[in-house]
């Protein structure tokens, strides 16, 4: 994927298209993994899952199977809360 991303600008592909294709590839990967676990919920969290475009793509493809943070931030704030809870 990295080789393709680096080659795209040389082919005069707009950077917005390159970025969208990257996010679509990440969404495709998540969905491909999710299909291996039947209809179990797919929990997504962490910094990359704060990207609205990626979350929209996953919502379209996974529907209610997509579980994500709502009350607690999915980044270091949530990690800190988890560490505090364990302490």
PDB file of N, CA and C in Angstrom:
ATOM      1  N   UNK A   1       0.825  -1.185   0.000  1.00  0.00           N
ATOM      2  CA  UNK A   1       0.000   0.000   0.000  1.00  0.00           C
ATOM      3  C   UNK A   1       0.871   1.252   0.000  1.00  0.00           C
ATOM      4  N   UNK A   2       1.941   1.223   0.785  1.00  0.00           N
ATOM      5  CA  UNK A   2       2.823   2.383   0.847  1.00  0.00           C
ATOM      6  C   UNK A   2       3.442   2.667  -0.517  1.00  0.00           C
ATOM      7  N   UNK A   3       3.841   1.632  -1.223  1.00  0.00           N
ATOM      8  CA  UNK A   3       4.426   1.804  -2.558  1.00  0.00           C
ATOM      9  C   UNK A   3       3.415   2.488  -3.487  1.00  0.00           C
ATOM     10  N   UNK A   4       2.149   2.088  -3.405  1.00  0.00           N
ATOM     11  CA  UNK A   4       1.121   2.697  -4.252  1.00  0.00           C
ATOM     12  C   UNK A   4       0.876   4.161  -3.878  1.00  0.00           C
ATOM     13  N   UNK A   5       0.872   4.442  -2.580  1.00  0.00           N
ATOM     14  CA  UNK A   5       0.661   5.822  -2.130  1.00  0.00           C
ATOM     15  C   UNK A   5       1.786   6.725  -2.623  1.00  0.00           C
ATOM     16  N   UNK A   6       3.006   6.233  -2.533  1.00  0.00           N
ATOM     17  CA  UNK A   6       4.143   7.035  -2.979  1.00  0.00           C
ATOM     18  C   UNK A   6       4.168   7.196  -4.494  1.00  0.00           C
ATOM     19  N   UNK A   7       3.677   6.220  -5.231  1.00  0.00           N
ATOM     20  CA  UNK A   7       3.667   6.287  -6.696  1.00  0.00           C
ATOM     21  C   UNK A   7       2.559   7.190  -7.219  1.00  0.00           C
ATOM     22  N   UNK A   8       1.460   7.331  -6.477  1.00  0.00           N
ATOM     23  CA  UNK A   8       0.312   8.117  -6.937  1.00  0.00           C
ATOM     24  C   UNK A   8       0.640   9.562  -7.296  1.00  0.00           C
ATOM     25  N   UNK A   9       1.365  10.310  -6.441  1.00  0.00           N
ATOM     26  CA  UNK A   9       1.652  11.699  -6.812  1.00  0.00           C
ATOM     27  C   UNK A   9       2.447  11.803  -8.111  1.00  0.00           C
ATOM     28  N   UNK A  10       3.268  10.802  -8.361  1.00  0.00           N
ATOM     29  CA  UNK A  10       4.046  10.817  -9.593  1.00  0.00           C
ATOM     30  C   UNK A  10       3.135  10.627 -10.811  1.00  0.00           C
ATOM     31  N   UNK A  11       1.988  10.030 -10.588  1.00  0.00           N
ATOM     32  CA  UNK A  11       1.023   9.820 -11.667  1.00  0.00           C
ATOM     33  C   UNK A  11       0.031  10.990 -11.712  1.00  0.00           C
ATOM     34  N   UNK A  12       0.302  12.032 -10.979  1.00  0.00           N
ATOM     35  CA  UNK A  12      -0.502  13.257 -10.915  1.00  0.00           C
ATOM     36  C   UNK A  12      -1.927  12.966 -10.420  1.00  0.00           C
ATOM     37  N   UNK A  13      -2.024  12.096  -9.460  1.00  0.00           N
ATOM     38  CA  UNK A  13      -3.316  11.819  -8.832  1.00  0.00           C
ATOM     39  C   UNK A  13      -3.495  12.819  -7.697  1.00  0.00           C
ATOM     40  N   UNK A  14      -4.647  13.470  -7.595  1.00  0.00           N
ATOM     41  CA  UNK A  14      -4.860  14.451  -6.520  1.00  0.00           C
ATOM     42  C   UNK A  14      -4.699  13.817  -5.133  1.00  0.00           C
ATOM     43  N   UNK A  15      -4.101  14.572  -4.226  1.00  0.00           N
ATOM     44  CA  UNK A  15      -3.843  14.038  -2.880  1.00  0.00           C
ATOM     45  C   UNK A  15      -5.127  13.648  -2.163  1.00  0.00           C
ATOM     46  N   UNK A  16      -6.241  14.339  -2.418  1.00  0.00           N
ATOM     47  CA  UNK A  16      -7.512  13.974  -1.785  1.00  0.00           C
ATOM     48  C   UNK A  16      -7.953  12.574  -2.210  1.00  0.00           C
ATOM     49  N   UNK A  17      -7.716  12.233  -3.468  1.00  0.00           N
ATOM     50  CA  UNK A  17      -8.060  10.886  -3.952  1.00  0.00           C
ATOM     51  C   UNK A  17      -7.156   9.834  -3.317  1.00  0.00           C
ATOM     52  N   UNK A  18      -5.899  10.168  -3.159  1.00  0.00           N
ATOM     53  CA  UNK A  18      -4.956   9.238  -2.529  1.00  0.00           C
ATOM     54  C   UNK A  18      -5.390   8.975  -1.083  1.00  0.00           C
ATOM     55  N   UNK A  19      -5.727  10.039  -0.365  1.00  0.00           N
ATOM     56  CA  UNK A  19      -6.148   9.916   1.030  1.00  0.00           C
ATOM     57  C   UNK A  19      -7.432   9.101   1.148  1.00  0.00           C
ATOM     58  N   UNK A  20      -8.397   9.366   0.268  1.00  0.00           N
ATOM     59  CA  UNK A  20      -9.660   8.625   0.306  1.00  0.00           C
ATOM     60  C   UNK A  20      -9.419   7.143   0.025  1.00  0.00           C
ATOM     61  N   UNK A  21      -8.560   6.838  -0.926  1.00  0.00           N
ATOM     62  CA  UNK A  21      -8.246   5.444  -1.254  1.00  0.00           C
ATOM     63  C   UNK A  21      -7.576   4.749  -0.068  1.00  0.00           C
ATOM     64  N   UNK A  22      -6.708   5.470   0.638  1.00  0.00           N
ATOM     65  CA  UNK A  22      -6.061   4.895   1.819  1.00  0.00           C
ATOM     66  C   UNK A  22      -7.098   4.541   2.882  1.00  0.00           C
ATOM     67  N   UNK A  23      -7.997   5.485   3.169  1.00  0.00           N
ATOM     68  CA  UNK A  23      -9.023   5.230   4.182  1.00  0.00           C
ATOM     69  C   UNK A  23      -9.951   4.099   3.754  1.00  0.00           C
ATOM     70  N   UNK A  24     -10.269   4.028   2.475  1.00  0.00           N
ATOM     71  CA  UNK A  24     -11.107   2.935   1.972  1.00  0.00           C
ATOM     72  C   UNK A  24     -10.392   1.597   2.158  1.00  0.00           C
ATOM     73  N   UNK A  25      -9.079   1.573   1.954  1.00  0.00           N
ATOM     74  CA  UNK A  25      -8.311   0.334   2.138  1.00  0.00           C
ATOM     75  C   UNK A  25      -8.316  -0.094   3.602  1.00  0.00           C
ATOM     76  N   UNK A  26      -8.202   0.861   4.515  1.00  0.00           N
ATOM     77  CA  UNK A  26      -8.256   0.535   5.944  1.00  0.00           C
ATOM     78  C   UNK A  26      -9.643  -0.010   6.286  1.00  0.00           C
ATOM     79  N   UNK A  27     -10.691   0.636   5.796  1.00  0.00           N
ATOM     80  CA  UNK A  27     -12.056   0.161   6.035  1.00  0.00           C
ATOM     81  C   UNK A  27     -12.251  -1.236   5.449  1.00  0.00           C
ATOM     82  N   UNK A  28     -11.745  -1.466   4.252  1.00  0.00           N
ATOM     83  CA  UNK A  28     -11.842  -2.793   3.628  1.00  0.00           C
ATOM     84  C   UNK A  28     -11.180  -3.854   4.501  1.00  0.00           C
ATOM     85  N   UNK A  29     -10.028  -3.524   5.066  1.00  0.00           N
ATOM     86  CA  UNK A  29      -9.308  -4.467   5.918  1.00  0.00           C
ATOM     87  C   UNK A  29     -10.117  -4.792   7.177  1.00  0.00           C
ATOM     88  N   UNK A  30     -10.672  -3.767   7.819  1.00  0.00           N
ATOM     89  CA  UNK A  30     -11.478  -3.981   9.024  1.00  0.00           C
ATOM     90  C   UNK A  30     -12.683  -4.863   8.700  1.00  0.00           C
ATOM     91  N   UNK A  31     -13.346  -4.580   7.596  1.00  0.00           N
ATOM     92  CA  UNK A  31     -14.521  -5.360   7.195  1.00  0.00           C
ATOM     93  C   UNK A  31     -14.117  -6.791   6.853  1.00  0.00           C
ATOM     94  N   UNK A  32     -12.985  -6.965   6.184  1.00  0.00           N
ATOM     95  CA  UNK A  32     -12.517  -8.313   5.846  1.00  0.00           C
ATOM     96  C   UNK A  32     -12.258  -9.135   7.103  1.00  0.00           C
ATOM     97  N   UNK A  33     -11.664  -8.516   8.097  1.00  0.00           N
ATOM     98  CA  UNK A  33     -11.425  -9.214   9.369  1.00  0.00           C
ATOM     99  C   UNK A  33     -12.749  -9.497  10.064  1.00  0.00           C
ATOM    100  N   UNK A  34     -13.666  -8.533  10.019  1.00  0.00           N
ATOM    101  CA  UNK A  34     -14.967  -8.698  10.673  1.00  0.00           C
ATOM    102  C   UNK A  34     -15.766  -9.859  10.073  1.00  0.00           C
ATOM    103  N   UNK A  35     -15.617 -10.110   8.794  1.00  0.00           N
ATOM    104  CA  UNK A  35     -16.365 -11.202   8.169  1.00  0.00           C
ATOM    105  C   UNK A  35     -15.921 -12.560   8.680  1.00  0.00           C
ATOM    106  N   UNK A  36     -14.742 -12.609   9.257  1.00  0.00           N
ATOM    107  CA  UNK A  36     -14.241 -13.872   9.801  1.00  0.00           C
ATOM    108  C   UNK A  36     -14.844 -14.206  11.157  1.00  0.00           C
ATOM    109  N   UNK A  37     -15.489 -13.247  11.789  1.00  0.00           N
ATOM    110  CA  UNK A  37     -16.078 -13.480  13.118  1.00  0.00           C
ATOM    111  C   UNK A  37     -17.597 -13.422  13.066  1.00  0.00           C
ATOM    112  N   UNK A  38     -18.146 -13.812  11.947  1.00  0.00           N
ATOM    113  CA  UNK A  38     -19.583 -13.880  11.742  1.00  0.00           C
ATOM    114  C   UNK A  38     -20.269 -12.566  12.061  1.00  0.00           C
ATOM    115  N   UNK A  39     -21.198 -12.587  13.002  1.00  0.00           N
ATOM    116  CA  UNK A  39     -21.980 -11.377  13.281  1.00  0.00           C
ATOM    117  C   UNK A  39     -21.612 -10.742  14.620  1.00  0.00           C
ATOM    118  N   UNK A  40     -20.445 -11.088  15.159  1.00  0.00           N
ATOM    119  CA  UNK A  40     -20.008 -10.508  16.428  1.00  0.00           C
ATOM    120  C   UNK A  40     -19.767  -9.010  16.264  1.00  0.00           C
ATOM    121  N   UNK A  41     -19.947  -8.243  17.339  1.00  0.00           N
ATOM    122  CA  UNK A  41     -19.652  -6.809  17.256  1.00  0.00           C
ATOM    123  C   UNK A  41     -18.190  -6.564  16.883  1.00  0.00           C
ATOM    124  N   UNK A  42     -17.960  -5.470  16.187  1.00  0.00           N
ATOM    125  CA  UNK A  42     -16.614  -5.064  15.802  1.00  0.00           C
ATOM    126  C   UNK A  42     -16.300  -3.799  16.591  1.00  0.00           C
ATOM    127  N   UNK A  43     -15.404  -3.928  17.556  1.00  0.00           N
ATOM    128  CA  UNK A  43     -15.072  -2.805  18.424  1.00  0.00           C
ATOM    129  C   UNK A  43     -13.885  -2.069  17.826  1.00  0.00           C
ATOM    130  N   UNK A  44     -14.075  -0.781  17.553  1.00  0.00           N
ATOM    131  CA  UNK A  44     -13.007   0.049  16.993  1.00  0.00           C
ATOM    132  C   UNK A  44     -12.710   1.183  17.967  1.00  0.00           C
ATOM    133  N   UNK A  45     -11.434   1.382  18.238  1.00  0.00           N
ATOM    134  CA  UNK A  45     -11.037   2.420  19.173  1.00  0.00           C
ATOM    135  C   UNK A  45      -9.601   2.817  18.876  1.00  0.00           C
ATOM    136  N   UNK A  46      -9.224   3.959  19.347  1.00  0.00           N
ATOM    137  CA  UNK A  46      -7.867   4.454  19.133  1.00  0.00           C
ATOM    138  C   UNK A  46      -7.887   5.652  18.208  1.00  0.00           C
ATOM    139  N   UNK A  47      -6.752   6.264  18.086  1.00  0.00           N
ATOM    140  CA  UNK A  47      -6.641   7.510  17.336  1.00  0.00           C
ATOM    141  C   UNK A  47      -7.153   7.452  15.917  1.00  0.00           C
ATOM    142  N   UNK A  48      -6.832   6.366  15.189  1.00  0.00           N
ATOM    143  CA  UNK A  48      -7.245   6.290  13.785  1.00  0.00           C
ATOM    144  C   UNK A  48      -8.763   6.262  13.656  1.00  0.00           C
ATOM    145  N   UNK A  49      -9.440   5.756  14.669  1.00  0.00           N
ATOM    146  CA  UNK A  49     -10.895   5.677  14.597  1.00  0.00           C
ATOM    147  C   UNK A  49     -11.573   6.958  15.085  1.00  0.00           C
ATOM    148  N   UNK A  50     -10.815   8.039  15.159  1.00  0.00           N
ATOM    149  CA  UNK A  50     -11.386   9.359  15.362  1.00  0.00           C
ATOM    150  C   UNK A  50     -11.570  10.069  14.020  1.00  0.00           C
ATOM    151  N   UNK A  51     -11.110   9.444  12.956  1.00  0.00           N
ATOM    152  CA  UNK A  51     -11.214  10.028  11.614  1.00  0.00           C
ATOM    153  C   UNK A  51     -12.641   9.832  11.115  1.00  0.00           C
ATOM    154  N   UNK A  52     -13.352  10.931  10.910  1.00  0.00           N
ATOM    155  CA  UNK A  52     -14.766  10.882  10.543  1.00  0.00           C
ATOM    156  C   UNK A  52     -15.006  10.083   9.264  1.00  0.00           C
ATOM    157  N   UNK A  53     -14.179  10.277   8.261  1.00  0.00           N
ATOM    158  CA  UNK A  53     -14.361   9.562   7.000  1.00  0.00           C
ATOM    159  C   UNK A  53     -14.277   8.057   7.207  1.00  0.00           C
ATOM    160  N   UNK A  54     -13.295   7.601   7.938  1.00  0.00           N
ATOM    161  CA  UNK A  54     -13.143   6.175   8.196  1.00  0.00           C
ATOM    162  C   UNK A  54     -14.341   5.635   8.978  1.00  0.00           C
ATOM    163  N   UNK A  55     -14.783   6.371   9.970  1.00  0.00           N
ATOM    164  CA  UNK A  55     -15.930   5.926  10.765  1.00  0.00           C
ATOM    165  C   UNK A  55     -17.207   5.887   9.923  1.00  0.00           C
ATOM    166  N   UNK A  56     -17.367   6.822   9.011  1.00  0.00           N
ATOM    167  CA  UNK A  56     -18.523   6.801   8.107  1.00  0.00           C
ATOM    168  C   UNK A  56     -18.481   5.573   7.200  1.00  0.00           C
ATOM    169  N   UNK A  57     -17.304   5.281   6.666  1.00  0.00           N
ATOM    170  CA  UNK A  57     -17.155   4.112   5.806  1.00  0.00           C
ATOM    171  C   UNK A  57     -17.498   2.828   6.563  1.00  0.00           C
ATOM    172  N   UNK A  58     -17.040   2.740   7.799  1.00  0.00           N
ATOM    173  CA  UNK A  58     -17.320   1.556   8.601  1.00  0.00           C
ATOM    174  C   UNK A  58     -18.788   1.480   8.993  1.00  0.00           C
ATOM    175  N   UNK A  59     -19.399   2.621   9.257  1.00  0.00           N
ATOM    176  CA  UNK A  59     -20.825   2.630   9.586  1.00  0.00           C
ATOM    177  C   UNK A  59     -21.648   2.114   8.407  1.00  0.00           C
ATOM    178  N   UNK A  60     -21.286   2.536   7.199  1.00  0.00           N
ATOM    179  CA  UNK A  60     -21.999   2.075   6.007  1.00  0.00           C
ATOM    180  C   UNK A  60     -21.858   0.577   5.812  1.00  0.00           C
ATOM    181  N   UNK A  61     -20.684   0.047   6.108  1.00  0.00           N
ATOM    182  CA  UNK A  61     -20.405  -1.360   5.819  1.00  0.00           C
ATOM    183  C   UNK A  61     -20.737  -2.307   6.957  1.00  0.00           C
ATOM    184  N   UNK A  62     -20.660  -1.822   8.197  1.00  0.00           N
ATOM    185  CA  UNK A  62     -20.876  -2.704   9.340  1.00  0.00           C
ATOM    186  C   UNK A  62     -22.186  -2.448  10.064  1.00  0.00           C
ATOM    187  N   UNK A  63     -22.761  -1.265   9.885  1.00  0.00           N
ATOM    188  CA  UNK A  63     -24.022  -0.954  10.557  1.00  0.00           C
ATOM    189  C   UNK A  63     -23.893  -1.031  12.065  1.00  0.00           C
ATOM    190  N   UNK A  64     -24.854  -1.721  12.699  1.00  0.00           N
ATOM    191  CA  UNK A  64     -24.884  -1.824  14.164  1.00  0.00           C
ATOM    192  C   UNK A  64     -23.780  -2.701  14.734  1.00  0.00           C
ATOM    193  N   UNK A  65     -23.064  -3.418  13.892  1.00  0.00           N
ATOM    194  CA  UNK A  65     -21.960  -4.245  14.386  1.00  0.00           C
ATOM    195  C   UNK A  65     -20.783  -3.386  14.832  1.00  0.00           C
ATOM    196  N   UNK A  66     -20.727  -2.145  14.376  1.00  0.00           N
ATOM    197  CA  UNK A  66     -19.611  -1.256  14.711  1.00  0.00           C
ATOM    198  C   UNK A  66     -19.858  -0.661  16.094  1.00  0.00           C
ATOM    199  N   UNK A  67     -19.009  -0.998  17.015  1.00  0.00           N
ATOM    200  CA  UNK A  67     -19.052  -0.433  18.364  1.00  0.00           C
ATOM    201  C   UNK A  67     -17.863   0.501  18.520  1.00  0.00           C
ATOM    202  N   UNK A  68     -18.099   1.629  19.164  1.00  0.00           N
ATOM    203  CA  UNK A  68     -17.030   2.606  19.335  1.00  0.00           C
ATOM    204  C   UNK A  68     -17.270   3.435  20.578  1.00  0.00           C
ATOM    205  N   UNK A  69     -16.238   4.165  20.990  1.00  0.00           N
ATOM    206  CA  UNK A  69     -16.313   5.003  22.185  1.00  0.00           C
ATOM    207  C   UNK A  69     -17.322   6.128  21.994  1.00  0.00           C
ATOM    208  N   UNK A  70     -18.093   6.382  23.029  1.00  0.00           N
ATOM    209  CA  UNK A  70     -19.016   7.520  23.004  1.00  0.00           C
ATOM    210  C   UNK A  70     -18.828   8.412  24.216  1.00  0.00           C
ATOM    211  N   UNK A  71     -18.717   7.819  25.391  1.00  0.00           N
ATOM    212  CA  UNK A  71     -18.589   8.600  26.622  1.00  0.00           C
ATOM    213  C   UNK A  71     -17.144   8.864  27.005  1.00  0.00           C
ATOM    214  N   UNK A  72     -16.268   8.001  26.555  1.00  0.00           N
ATOM    215  CA  UNK A  72     -14.848   8.094  26.898  1.00  0.00           C
ATOM    216  C   UNK A  72     -14.074   8.286  25.601  1.00  0.00           C
ATOM    217  N   UNK A  73     -13.104   9.178  25.568  1.00  0.00           N
ATOM    218  CA  UNK A  73     -12.351   9.384  24.327  1.00  0.00           C
ATOM    219  C   UNK A  73     -11.583   8.118  23.925  1.00  0.00           C
ATOM    220  N   UNK A  74     -11.451   7.884  22.615  1.00  0.00           N
ATOM    221  CA  UNK A  74     -10.780   6.666  22.153  1.00  0.00           C
ATOM    222  C   UNK A  74      -9.257   6.760  22.145  1.00  0.00           C
ATOM    223  N   UNK A  75      -8.719   7.850  22.618  1.00  0.00           N
ATOM    224  CA  UNK A  75      -7.260   8.013  22.585  1.00  0.00           C
ATOM    225  C   UNK A  75      -6.688   7.938  23.997  1.00  0.00           C
ATOM    226  N   UNK A  76      -5.679   8.721  24.292  1.00  0.00           N
ATOM    227  CA  UNK A  76      -4.987   8.637  25.584  1.00  0.00           C
ATOM    228  C   UNK A  76      -5.895   8.916  26.776  1.00  0.00           C
ATOM    229  N   UNK A  77      -6.918   9.746  26.592  1.00  0.00           N
ATOM    230  CA  UNK A  77      -7.851  10.018  27.684  1.00  0.00           C
ATOM    231  C   UNK A  77      -8.566   8.758  28.135  1.00  0.00           C
ATOM    232  N   UNK A  78      -8.986   7.956  27.192  1.00  0.00           N
ATOM    233  CA  UNK A  78      -9.647   6.690  27.505  1.00  0.00           C
ATOM    234  C   UNK A  78      -8.669   5.683  28.107  1.00  0.00           C
ATOM    235  N   UNK A  79      -7.460   5.678  27.594  1.00  0.00           N
ATOM    236  CA  UNK A  79      -6.409   4.790  28.121  1.00  0.00           C
ATOM    237  C   UNK A  79      -6.138   5.133  29.572  1.00  0.00           C
ATOM    238  N   UNK A  80      -6.049   6.412  29.852  1.00  0.00           N
ATOM    239  CA  UNK A  80      -5.804   6.852  31.234  1.00  0.00           C
ATOM    240  C   UNK A  80      -6.934   6.438  32.156  1.00  0.00           C
ATOM    241  N   UNK A  81      -8.163   6.541  31.671  1.00  0.00           N
ATOM    242  CA  UNK A  81      -9.315   6.139  32.485  1.00  0.00           C
ATOM    243  C   UNK A  81      -9.249   4.644  32.773  1.00  0.00           C
ATOM    244  N   UNK A  82      -8.897   3.851  31.777  1.00  0.00           N
ATOM    245  CA  UNK A  82      -8.759   2.417  31.984  1.00  0.00           C
ATOM    246  C   UNK A  82      -7.673   2.084  32.975  1.00  0.00           C
ATOM    247  N   UNK A  83      -6.555   2.791  32.897  1.00  0.00           N
ATOM    248  CA  UNK A  83      -5.462   2.555  33.841  1.00  0.00           C
ATOM    249  C   UNK A  83      -5.885   2.935  35.260  1.00  0.00           C
ATOM    250  N   UNK A  84      -6.604   4.048  35.382  1.00  0.00           N
ATOM    251  CA  UNK A  84      -7.087   4.475  36.703  1.00  0.00           C
ATOM    252  C   UNK A  84      -8.066   3.459  37.270  1.00  0.00           C
ATOM    253  N   UNK A  85      -8.928   2.925  36.428  1.00  0.00           N
ATOM    254  CA  UNK A  85      -9.907   1.932  36.889  1.00  0.00           C
ATOM    255  C   UNK A  85      -9.208   0.670  37.395  1.00  0.00           C
ATOM    256  N   UNK A  86      -8.137   0.261  36.702  1.00  0.00           N
ATOM    257  CA  UNK A  86      -7.405  -0.936  37.150  1.00  0.00           C
ATOM    258  C   UNK A  86      -6.616  -0.674  38.424  1.00  0.00           C
ATOM    259  N   UNK A  87      -6.175   0.556  38.603  1.00  0.00           N
ATOM    260  CA  UNK A  87      -5.387   0.888  39.798  1.00  0.00           C
ATOM    261  C   UNK A  87      -6.300   0.876  41.008  1.00  0.00           C
TER     262      UNK A  87
END
